[in-house]
Amino acid sequence: TDCVVRELVLVRVRAPDDKRGTLLNEAEIFR
């Protein structure tokens, strides 16, 4: 059937200082 299908995930991701900016940029791609 033509449906709207959704899931939700909560995930804790390691974020050292030197990678925080890159991680946030990549997360923004997935909103």
Full PDB file with SEQRES, HELIX, SHEET, SSBOND, CRYST1, ORIGX, SCALE, CONECT and MASTER records, all heavy atoms in Angstrom:
SEQRES   1 A   31  THR ASP CYS VAL VAL ARG GLU LEU VAL LEU VAL ARG VAL          
SEQRES   2 A   31  ARG ALA PRO ASP ASP LYS ARG GLY THR LEU LEU ASN GLU          
SEQRES   3 A   31  ALA GLU ILE PHE ARG                                          
HELIX    1 AA1 ASP A   17  LYS A   19  5                                   3    
HELIX    2 AA2 ARG A   20  ILE A   29  1                                  10    
CRYST1    1.000    1.000    1.000  90.00  90.00  90.00 P 1           1          
ORIGX1      1.000000  0.000000  0.000000        0.00000                         
ORIGX2      0.000000  1.000000  0.000000        0.00000                         
ORIGX3      0.000000  0.000000  1.000000        0.00000                         
SCALE1      1.000000  0.000000  0.000000        0.00000                         
SCALE2      0.000000  1.000000  0.000000        0.00000                         
SCALE3      0.000000  0.000000  1.000000        0.00000                         
ATOM      1  N   THR A   1       0.830  -1.195   0.000  1.00  0.00           N  
ATOM      2  CA  THR A   1       0.000   0.000   0.000  1.00  0.00           C  
ATOM      3  C   THR A   1       0.870   1.252   0.000  1.00  0.00           C  
ATOM      4  O   THR A   1       1.948   1.266   0.575  1.00  0.00           O  
ATOM      5  CB  THR A   1      -0.916   0.007   1.241  1.00  0.00           C  
ATOM      6  OG1 THR A   1      -1.666  -1.200   1.268  1.00  0.00           O  
ATOM      7  CG2 THR A   1      -1.883   1.185   1.204  1.00  0.00           C  
ATOM      8  N   ASP A   2       0.389   2.300  -0.660  1.00  0.00           N  
ATOM      9  CA  ASP A   2       1.100   3.575  -0.669  1.00  0.00           C  
ATOM     10  C   ASP A   2       0.951   4.219   0.706  1.00  0.00           C  
ATOM     11  O   ASP A   2      -0.099   4.773   1.038  1.00  0.00           O  
ATOM     12  CB  ASP A   2       0.520   4.477  -1.758  1.00  0.00           C  
ATOM     13  CG  ASP A   2       1.284   5.785  -1.882  1.00  0.00           C  
ATOM     14  OD1 ASP A   2       2.417   5.863  -1.375  1.00  0.00           O  
ATOM     15  OD2 ASP A   2       0.732   6.735  -2.477  1.00  0.00           O  
ATOM     16  N   CYS A   3       2.002   4.134   1.519  1.00  0.00           N  
ATOM     17  CA  CYS A   3       1.934   4.561   2.914  1.00  0.00           C  
ATOM     18  C   CYS A   3       3.046   5.543   3.247  1.00  0.00           C  
ATOM     19  O   CYS A   3       4.082   5.587   2.590  1.00  0.00           O  
ATOM     20  CB  CYS A   3       2.077   3.361   3.858  1.00  0.00           C  
ATOM     21  SG  CYS A   3       0.686   2.239   3.843  1.00  0.00           S  
ATOM     22  N   VAL A   4       2.797   6.324   4.288  1.00  0.00           N  
ATOM     23  CA  VAL A   4       3.859   7.067   4.954  1.00  0.00           C  
ATOM     24  C   VAL A   4       4.405   6.152   6.051  1.00  0.00           C  
ATOM     25  O   VAL A   4       3.651   5.715   6.923  1.00  0.00           O  
ATOM     26  CB  VAL A   4       3.333   8.370   5.568  1.00  0.00           C  
ATOM     27  CG1 VAL A   4       4.459   9.098   6.302  1.00  0.00           C  
ATOM     28  CG2 VAL A   4       2.722   9.259   4.501  1.00  0.00           C  
ATOM     29  N   VAL A   5       5.694   5.839   5.988  1.00  0.00           N  
ATOM     30  CA  VAL A   5       6.317   4.923   6.948  1.00  0.00           C  
ATOM     31  C   VAL A   5       7.438   5.659   7.664  1.00  0.00           C  
ATOM     32  O   VAL A   5       8.269   6.310   7.024  1.00  0.00           O  
ATOM     33  CB  VAL A   5       6.883   3.671   6.246  1.00  0.00           C  
ATOM     34  CG1 VAL A   5       7.525   2.734   7.259  1.00  0.00           C  
ATOM     35  CG2 VAL A   5       5.777   2.952   5.477  1.00  0.00           C  
ATOM     36  N   ARG A   6       7.442   5.579   8.987  1.00  0.00           N  
ATOM     37  CA  ARG A   6       8.464   6.268   9.766  1.00  0.00           C  
ATOM     38  C   ARG A   6       8.990   5.380  10.887  1.00  0.00           C  
ATOM     39  O   ARG A   6       8.261   4.552  11.432  1.00  0.00           O  
ATOM     40  CB  ARG A   6       7.907   7.561  10.382  1.00  0.00           C  
ATOM     41  CG  ARG A   6       7.591   8.655   9.380  1.00  0.00           C  
ATOM     42  CD  ARG A   6       8.868   9.202   8.759  1.00  0.00           C  
ATOM     43  NE  ARG A   6       8.598  10.302   7.838  1.00  0.00           N  
ATOM     44  CZ  ARG A   6       8.399  10.144   6.542  1.00  0.00           C  
ATOM     45  NH1 ARG A   6       8.406   8.921   6.006  1.00  0.00           N  
ATOM     46  NH2 ARG A   6       8.184  11.193   5.772  1.00  0.00           N  
ATOM     47  N   GLU A   7      10.268   5.562  11.209  1.00  0.00           N  
ATOM     48  CA  GLU A   7      10.891   5.001  12.397  1.00  0.00           C  
ATOM     49  C   GLU A   7      11.625   6.126  13.113  1.00  0.00           C  
ATOM     50  O   GLU A   7      11.862   7.203  12.538  1.00  0.00           O  
ATOM     51  CB  GLU A   7      11.887   3.896  12.042  1.00  0.00           C  
ATOM     52  CG  GLU A   7      11.288   2.654  11.453  1.00  0.00           C  
ATOM     53  CD  GLU A   7      12.335   1.566  11.268  1.00  0.00           C  
ATOM     54  OE1 GLU A   7      13.017   1.221  12.255  1.00  0.00           O  
ATOM     55  OE2 GLU A   7      12.474   1.078  10.140  1.00  0.00           O  
ATOM     56  N   LEU A   8      12.014   5.886  14.345  1.00  0.00           N  
ATOM     57  CA  LEU A   8      12.798   6.854  15.114  1.00  0.00           C  
ATOM     58  C   LEU A   8      13.960   6.133  15.770  1.00  0.00           C  
ATOM     59  O   LEU A   8      13.813   4.990  16.222  1.00  0.00           O  
ATOM     60  CB  LEU A   8      11.932   7.538  16.168  1.00  0.00           C  
ATOM     61  CG  LEU A   8      12.614   8.584  17.059  1.00  0.00           C  
ATOM     62  CD1 LEU A   8      11.652   9.714  17.371  1.00  0.00           C  
ATOM     63  CD2 LEU A   8      13.101   7.948  18.377  1.00  0.00           C  
ATOM     64  N   VAL A   9      15.107   6.797  15.819  1.00  0.00           N  
ATOM     65  CA  VAL A   9      16.271   6.245  16.510  1.00  0.00           C  
ATOM     66  C   VAL A   9      16.901   7.333  17.377  1.00  0.00           C  
ATOM     67  O   VAL A   9      16.956   8.505  16.976  1.00  0.00           O  
ATOM     68  CB  VAL A   9      17.308   5.676  15.514  1.00  0.00           C  
ATOM     69  CG1 VAL A   9      17.903   6.761  14.647  1.00  0.00           C  
ATOM     70  CG2 VAL A   9      18.408   4.913  16.252  1.00  0.00           C  
ATOM     71  N   LEU A  10      17.292   6.963  18.577  1.00  0.00           N  
ATOM     72  CA  LEU A  10      18.126   7.790  19.437  1.00  0.00           C  
ATOM     73  C   LEU A  10      19.473   7.099  19.544  1.00  0.00           C  
ATOM     74  O   LEU A  10      19.537   5.913  19.875  1.00  0.00           O  
ATOM     75  CB  LEU A  10      17.512   7.939  20.829  1.00  0.00           C  
ATOM     76  CG  LEU A  10      16.192   8.704  20.933  1.00  0.00           C  
ATOM     77  CD1 LEU A  10      15.650   8.626  22.352  1.00  0.00           C  
ATOM     78  CD2 LEU A  10      16.377  10.163  20.514  1.00  0.00           C  
ATOM     79  N   VAL A  11      20.548   7.828  19.243  1.00  0.00           N  
ATOM     80  CA  VAL A  11      21.862   7.197  19.206  1.00  0.00           C  
ATOM     81  C   VAL A  11      22.898   8.128  19.837  1.00  0.00           C  
ATOM     82  O   VAL A  11      22.943   9.325  19.529  1.00  0.00           O  
ATOM     83  CB  VAL A  11      22.254   6.807  17.763  1.00  0.00           C  
ATOM     84  CG1 VAL A  11      22.172   7.993  16.821  1.00  0.00           C  
ATOM     85  CG2 VAL A  11      23.634   6.181  17.715  1.00  0.00           C  
ATOM     86  N   ARG A  12      23.696   7.579  20.743  1.00  0.00           N  
ATOM     87  CA  ARG A  12      24.793   8.329  21.353  1.00  0.00           C  
ATOM     88  C   ARG A  12      26.072   8.038  20.579  1.00  0.00           C  
ATOM     89  O   ARG A  12      26.500   6.890  20.478  1.00  0.00           O  
ATOM     90  CB  ARG A  12      24.968   7.958  22.822  1.00  0.00           C  
ATOM     91  CG  ARG A  12      26.071   8.785  23.525  1.00  0.00           C  
ATOM     92  CD  ARG A  12      26.340   8.341  24.945  1.00  0.00           C  
ATOM     93  NE  ARG A  12      25.151   8.438  25.761  1.00  0.00           N  
ATOM     94  CZ  ARG A  12      24.499   7.390  26.283  1.00  0.00           C  
ATOM     95  NH1 ARG A  12      24.939   6.157  26.050  1.00  0.00           N  
ATOM     96  NH2 ARG A  12      23.433   7.571  27.016  1.00  0.00           N  
ATOM     97  N   VAL A  13      26.664   9.088  20.033  1.00  0.00           N  
ATOM     98  CA  VAL A  13      27.832   8.965  19.163  1.00  0.00           C  
ATOM     99  C   VAL A  13      29.014   9.685  19.808  1.00  0.00           C  
ATOM    100  O   VAL A  13      28.880  10.810  20.305  1.00  0.00           O  
ATOM    101  CB  VAL A  13      27.555   9.572  17.769  1.00  0.00           C  
ATOM    102  CG1 VAL A  13      28.765   9.399  16.852  1.00  0.00           C  
ATOM    103  CG2 VAL A  13      26.316   8.933  17.149  1.00  0.00           C  
ATOM    104  N   ARG A  14      30.169   9.041  19.797  1.00  0.00           N  
ATOM    105  CA  ARG A  14      31.378   9.671  20.332  1.00  0.00           C  
ATOM    106  C   ARG A  14      31.748  10.886  19.484  1.00  0.00           C  
ATOM    107  O   ARG A  14      31.698  10.822  18.254  1.00  0.00           O  
ATOM    108  CB  ARG A  14      32.527   8.671  20.335  1.00  0.00           C  
ATOM    109  CG  ARG A  14      32.292   7.470  21.235  1.00  0.00           C  
ATOM    110  CD  ARG A  14      33.358   6.422  21.032  1.00  0.00           C  
ATOM    111  NE  ARG A  14      32.919   5.122  21.558  1.00  0.00           N  
ATOM    112  CZ  ARG A  14      33.496   3.974  21.269  1.00  0.00           C  
ATOM    113  NH1 ARG A  14      34.541   3.952  20.440  1.00  0.00           N  
ATOM    114  NH2 ARG A  14      33.044   2.840  21.789  1.00  0.00           N  
ATOM    115  N   ALA A  15      32.134  11.971  20.175  1.00  0.00           N  
ATOM    116  CA  ALA A  15      32.415  13.218  19.464  1.00  0.00           C  
ATOM    117  C   ALA A  15      33.631  13.908  20.073  1.00  0.00           C  
ATOM    118  O   ALA A  15      33.508  14.865  20.847  1.00  0.00           O  
ATOM    119  CB  ALA A  15      31.198  14.136  19.511  1.00  0.00           C  
ATOM    120  N   PRO A  16      34.843  13.450  19.761  1.00  0.00           N  
ATOM    121  CA  PRO A  16      36.048  14.141  20.233  1.00  0.00           C  
ATOM    122  C   PRO A  16      36.149  15.528  19.609  1.00  0.00           C  
ATOM    123  O   PRO A  16      35.533  15.812  18.572  1.00  0.00           O  
ATOM    124  CB  PRO A  16      37.184  13.228  19.762  1.00  0.00           C  
ATOM    125  CG  PRO A  16      36.607  12.444  18.627  1.00  0.00           C  
ATOM    126  CD  PRO A  16      35.153  12.272  18.933  1.00  0.00           C  
ATOM    127  N   ASP A  17      36.903  16.403  20.244  1.00  0.00           N  
ATOM    128  CA  ASP A  17      36.969  17.810  19.829  1.00  0.00           C  
ATOM    129  C   ASP A  17      37.321  17.978  18.360  1.00  0.00           C  
ATOM    130  O   ASP A  17      36.763  18.833  17.665  1.00  0.00           O  
ATOM    131  CB  ASP A  17      38.002  18.547  20.691  1.00  0.00           C  
ATOM    132  CG  ASP A  17      37.509  18.764  22.118  1.00  0.00           C  
ATOM    133  OD1 ASP A  17      36.276  18.689  22.316  1.00  0.00           O  
ATOM    134  OD2 ASP A  17      38.342  18.975  23.016  1.00  0.00           O  
ATOM    135  N   ASP A  18      38.261  17.190  17.871  1.00  0.00           N  
ATOM    136  CA  ASP A  18      38.723  17.386  16.498  1.00  0.00           C  
ATOM    137  C   ASP A  18      37.754  16.871  15.441  1.00  0.00           C  
ATOM    138  O   ASP A  18      37.967  17.094  14.243  1.00  0.00           O  
ATOM    139  CB  ASP A  18      40.092  16.721  16.307  1.00  0.00           C  
ATOM    140  CG  ASP A  18      40.041  15.214  16.581  1.00  0.00           C  
ATOM    141  OD1 ASP A  18      39.161  14.780  17.356  1.00  0.00           O  
ATOM    142  OD2 ASP A  18      40.876  14.482  16.013  1.00  0.00           O  
ATOM    143  N   LYS A  19      36.675  16.193  15.868  1.00  0.00           N  
ATOM    144  CA  LYS A  19      35.724  15.638  14.892  1.00  0.00           C  
ATOM    145  C   LYS A  19      34.304  16.168  15.073  1.00  0.00           C  
ATOM    146  O   LYS A  19      33.416  15.801  14.312  1.00  0.00           O  
ATOM    147  CB  LYS A  19      35.701  14.106  14.992  1.00  0.00           C  
ATOM    148  CG  LYS A  19      37.023  13.445  14.614  1.00  0.00           C  
ATOM    149  CD  LYS A  19      36.904  11.934  14.658  1.00  0.00           C  
ATOM    150  CE  LYS A  19      38.216  11.266  14.249  1.00  0.00           C  
ATOM    151  NZ  LYS A  19      38.121   9.786  14.300  1.00  0.00           N  
ATOM    152  N   ARG A  20      34.081  17.027  16.053  1.00  0.00           N  
ATOM    153  CA  ARG A  20      32.719  17.472  16.348  1.00  0.00           C  
ATOM    154  C   ARG A  20      32.095  18.238  15.188  1.00  0.00           C  
ATOM    155  O   ARG A  20      30.928  18.032  14.840  1.00  0.00           O  
ATOM    156  CB  ARG A  20      32.704  18.320  17.622  1.00  0.00           C  
ATOM    157  CG  ARG A  20      33.044  17.524  18.868  1.00  0.00           C  
ATOM    158  CD  ARG A  20      33.180  18.422  20.080  1.00  0.00           C  
ATOM    159  NE  ARG A  20      31.904  18.756  20.693  1.00  0.00           N  
ATOM    160  CZ  ARG A  20      31.305  18.007  21.616  1.00  0.00           C  
ATOM    161  NH1 ARG A  20      31.855  16.860  22.006  1.00  0.00           N  
ATOM    162  NH2 ARG A  20      30.176  18.380  22.147  1.00  0.00           N  
ATOM    163  N   GLY A  21      32.857  19.127  14.585  1.00  0.00           N  
ATOM    164  CA  GLY A  21      32.319  19.904  13.473  1.00  0.00           C  
ATOM    165  C   GLY A  21      31.941  19.034  12.285  1.00  0.00           C  
ATOM    166  O   GLY A  21      30.874  19.197  11.688  1.00  0.00           O  
ATOM    167  N   THR A  22      32.825  18.095  11.940  1.00  0.00           N  
ATOM    168  CA  THR A  22      32.541  17.190  10.818  1.00  0.00           C  
ATOM    169  C   THR A  22      31.332  16.312  11.105  1.00  0.00           C  
ATOM    170  O   THR A  22      30.482  16.101  10.226  1.00  0.00           O  
ATOM    171  CB  THR A  22      33.771  16.303  10.539  1.00  0.00           C  
ATOM    172  OG1 THR A  22      34.908  17.121  10.298  1.00  0.00           O  
ATOM    173  CG2 THR A  22      33.523  15.422   9.323  1.00  0.00           C  
ATOM    174  N   LEU A  23      31.230  15.825  12.337  1.00  0.00           N  
ATOM    175  CA  LEU A  23      30.093  14.987  12.704  1.00  0.00           C  
ATOM    176  C   LEU A  23      28.780  15.755  12.594  1.00  0.00           C  
ATOM    177  O   LEU A  23      27.788  15.240  12.053  1.00  0.00           O  
ATOM    178  CB  LEU A  23      30.282  14.465  14.134  1.00  0.00           C  
ATOM    179  CG  LEU A  23      29.119  13.675  14.749  1.00  0.00           C  
ATOM    180  CD1 LEU A  23      28.784  12.464  13.890  1.00  0.00           C  
ATOM    181  CD2 LEU A  23      29.473  13.251  16.168  1.00  0.00           C  
ATOM    182  N   LEU A  24      28.747  16.987  13.058  1.00  0.00           N  
ATOM    183  CA  LEU A  24      27.525  17.791  12.980  1.00  0.00           C  
ATOM    184  C   LEU A  24      27.149  18.084  11.531  1.00  0.00           C  
ATOM    185  O   LEU A  24      25.962  18.082  11.172  1.00  0.00           O  
ATOM    186  CB  LEU A  24      27.694  19.097  13.753  1.00  0.00           C  
ATOM    187  CG  LEU A  24      27.761  18.969  15.277  1.00  0.00           C  
ATOM    188  CD1 LEU A  24      28.068  20.317  15.902  1.00  0.00           C  
ATOM    189  CD2 LEU A  24      26.449  18.403  15.822  1.00  0.00           C  
ATOM    190  N   ASN A  25      28.124  18.326  10.678  1.00  0.00           N  
ATOM    191  CA  ASN A  25      27.850  18.576   9.264  1.00  0.00           C  
ATOM    192  C   ASN A  25      27.245  17.350   8.598  1.00  0.00           C  
ATOM    193  O   ASN A  25      26.310  17.461   7.795  1.00  0.00           O  
ATOM    194  CB  ASN A  25      29.126  18.994   8.539  1.00  0.00           C  
ATOM    195  CG  ASN A  25      29.584  20.386   8.909  1.00  0.00           C  
ATOM    196  OD1 ASN A  25      28.780  21.212   9.344  1.00  0.00           O  
ATOM    197  ND2 ASN A  25      30.878  20.662   8.746  1.00  0.00           N  
ATOM    198  N   GLU A  26      27.780  16.189   8.902  1.00  0.00           N  
ATOM    199  CA  GLU A  26      27.243  14.965   8.305  1.00  0.00           C  
ATOM    200  C   GLU A  26      25.856  14.652   8.860  1.00  0.00           C  
ATOM    201  O   GLU A  26      24.980  14.176   8.127  1.00  0.00           O  
ATOM    202  CB  GLU A  26      28.207  13.804   8.553  1.00  0.00           C  
ATOM    203  CG  GLU A  26      29.525  13.945   7.804  1.00  0.00           C  
ATOM    204  CD  GLU A  26      30.392  12.709   7.920  1.00  0.00           C  
ATOM    205  OE1 GLU A  26      30.256  11.974   8.918  1.00  0.00           O  
ATOM    206  OE2 GLU A  26      31.211  12.482   7.005  1.00  0.00           O  
ATOM    207  N   ALA A  27      25.647  14.929  10.146  1.00  0.00           N  
ATOM    208  CA  ALA A  27      24.324  14.695  10.731  1.00  0.00           C  
ATOM    209  C   ALA A  27      23.283  15.611  10.100  1.00  0.00           C  
ATOM    210  O   ALA A  27      22.117  15.225   9.930  1.00  0.00           O  
ATOM    211  CB  ALA A  27      24.377  14.908  12.242  1.00  0.00           C  
ATOM    212  N   GLU A  28      23.676  16.826   9.728  1.00  0.00           N  
ATOM    213  CA  GLU A  28      22.745  17.777   9.120  1.00  0.00           C  
ATOM    214  C   GLU A  28      22.202  17.254   7.795  1.00  0.00           C  
ATOM    215  O   GLU A  28      21.050  17.533   7.428  1.00  0.00           O  
ATOM    216  CB  GLU A  28      23.455  19.117   8.909  1.00  0.00           C  
ATOM    217  CG  GLU A  28      22.606  20.191   8.252  1.00  0.00           C  
ATOM    218  CD  GLU A  28      21.419  20.606   9.099  1.00  0.00           C  
ATOM    219  OE1 GLU A  28      21.480  20.431  10.342  1.00  0.00           O  
ATOM    220  OE2 GLU A  28      20.425  21.080   8.516  1.00  0.00           O  
ATOM    221  N   ILE A  29      23.008  16.489   7.072  1.00  0.00           N  
ATOM    222  CA  ILE A  29      22.559  15.913   5.800  1.00  0.00           C  
ATOM    223  C   ILE A  29      21.318  15.043   6.012  1.00  0.00           C  
ATOM    224  O   ILE A  29      20.410  15.006   5.179  1.00  0.00           O  
ATOM    225  CB  ILE A  29      23.696  15.087   5.159  1.00  0.00           C  
ATOM    226  CG1 ILE A  29      24.879  15.995   4.816  1.00  0.00           C  
ATOM    227  CG2 ILE A  29      23.194  14.344   3.915  1.00  0.00           C  
ATOM    228  CD1 ILE A  29      26.097  15.229   4.341  1.00  0.00           C  
ATOM    229  N   PHE A  30      21.261  14.345   7.142  1.00  0.00           N  
ATOM    230  CA  PHE A  30      20.131  13.459   7.447  1.00  0.00           C  
ATOM    231  C   PHE A  30      19.065  14.154   8.301  1.00  0.00           C  
ATOM    232  O   PHE A  30      18.121  13.516   8.735  1.00  0.00           O  
ATOM    233  CB  PHE A  30      20.643  12.228   8.213  1.00  0.00           C  
ATOM    234  CG  PHE A  30      21.567  11.357   7.415  1.00  0.00           C  
ATOM    235  CD1 PHE A  30      22.935  11.584   7.423  1.00  0.00           C  
ATOM    236  CD2 PHE A  30      21.066  10.321   6.640  1.00  0.00           C  
ATOM    237  CE1 PHE A  30      23.797  10.772   6.696  1.00  0.00           C  
ATOM    238  CE2 PHE A  30      21.913   9.510   5.904  1.00  0.00           C  
ATOM    239  CZ  PHE A  30      23.291   9.739   5.928  1.00  0.00           C  
ATOM    240  N   ARG A  31      19.242  15.449   8.510  1.00  0.00           N  
ATOM    241  CA  ARG A  31      18.332  16.229   9.359  1.00  0.00           C  
ATOM    242  C   ARG A  31      18.230  15.621  10.762  1.00  0.00           C  
ATOM    243  O   ARG A  31      17.157  15.602  11.379  1.00  0.00           O  
ATOM    244  CB  ARG A  31      16.940  16.340   8.724  1.00  0.00           C  
ATOM    245  CG  ARG A  31      16.958  17.092   7.403  1.00  0.00           C  
ATOM    246  CD  ARG A  31      15.571  17.292   6.835  1.00  0.00           C  
ATOM    247  NE  ARG A  31      15.610  18.028   5.576  1.00  0.00           N  
ATOM    248  CZ  ARG A  31      14.538  18.338   4.847  1.00  0.00           C  
ATOM    249  NH1 ARG A  31      13.333  17.965   5.273  1.00  0.00           N  
ATOM    250  NH2 ARG A  31      14.649  19.000   3.730  1.00  0.00           N  
TER     251      ARG A  31                                                      
MASTER        0    0    0    2    0    0    0    6  250    1    0    3          
END                                                                             
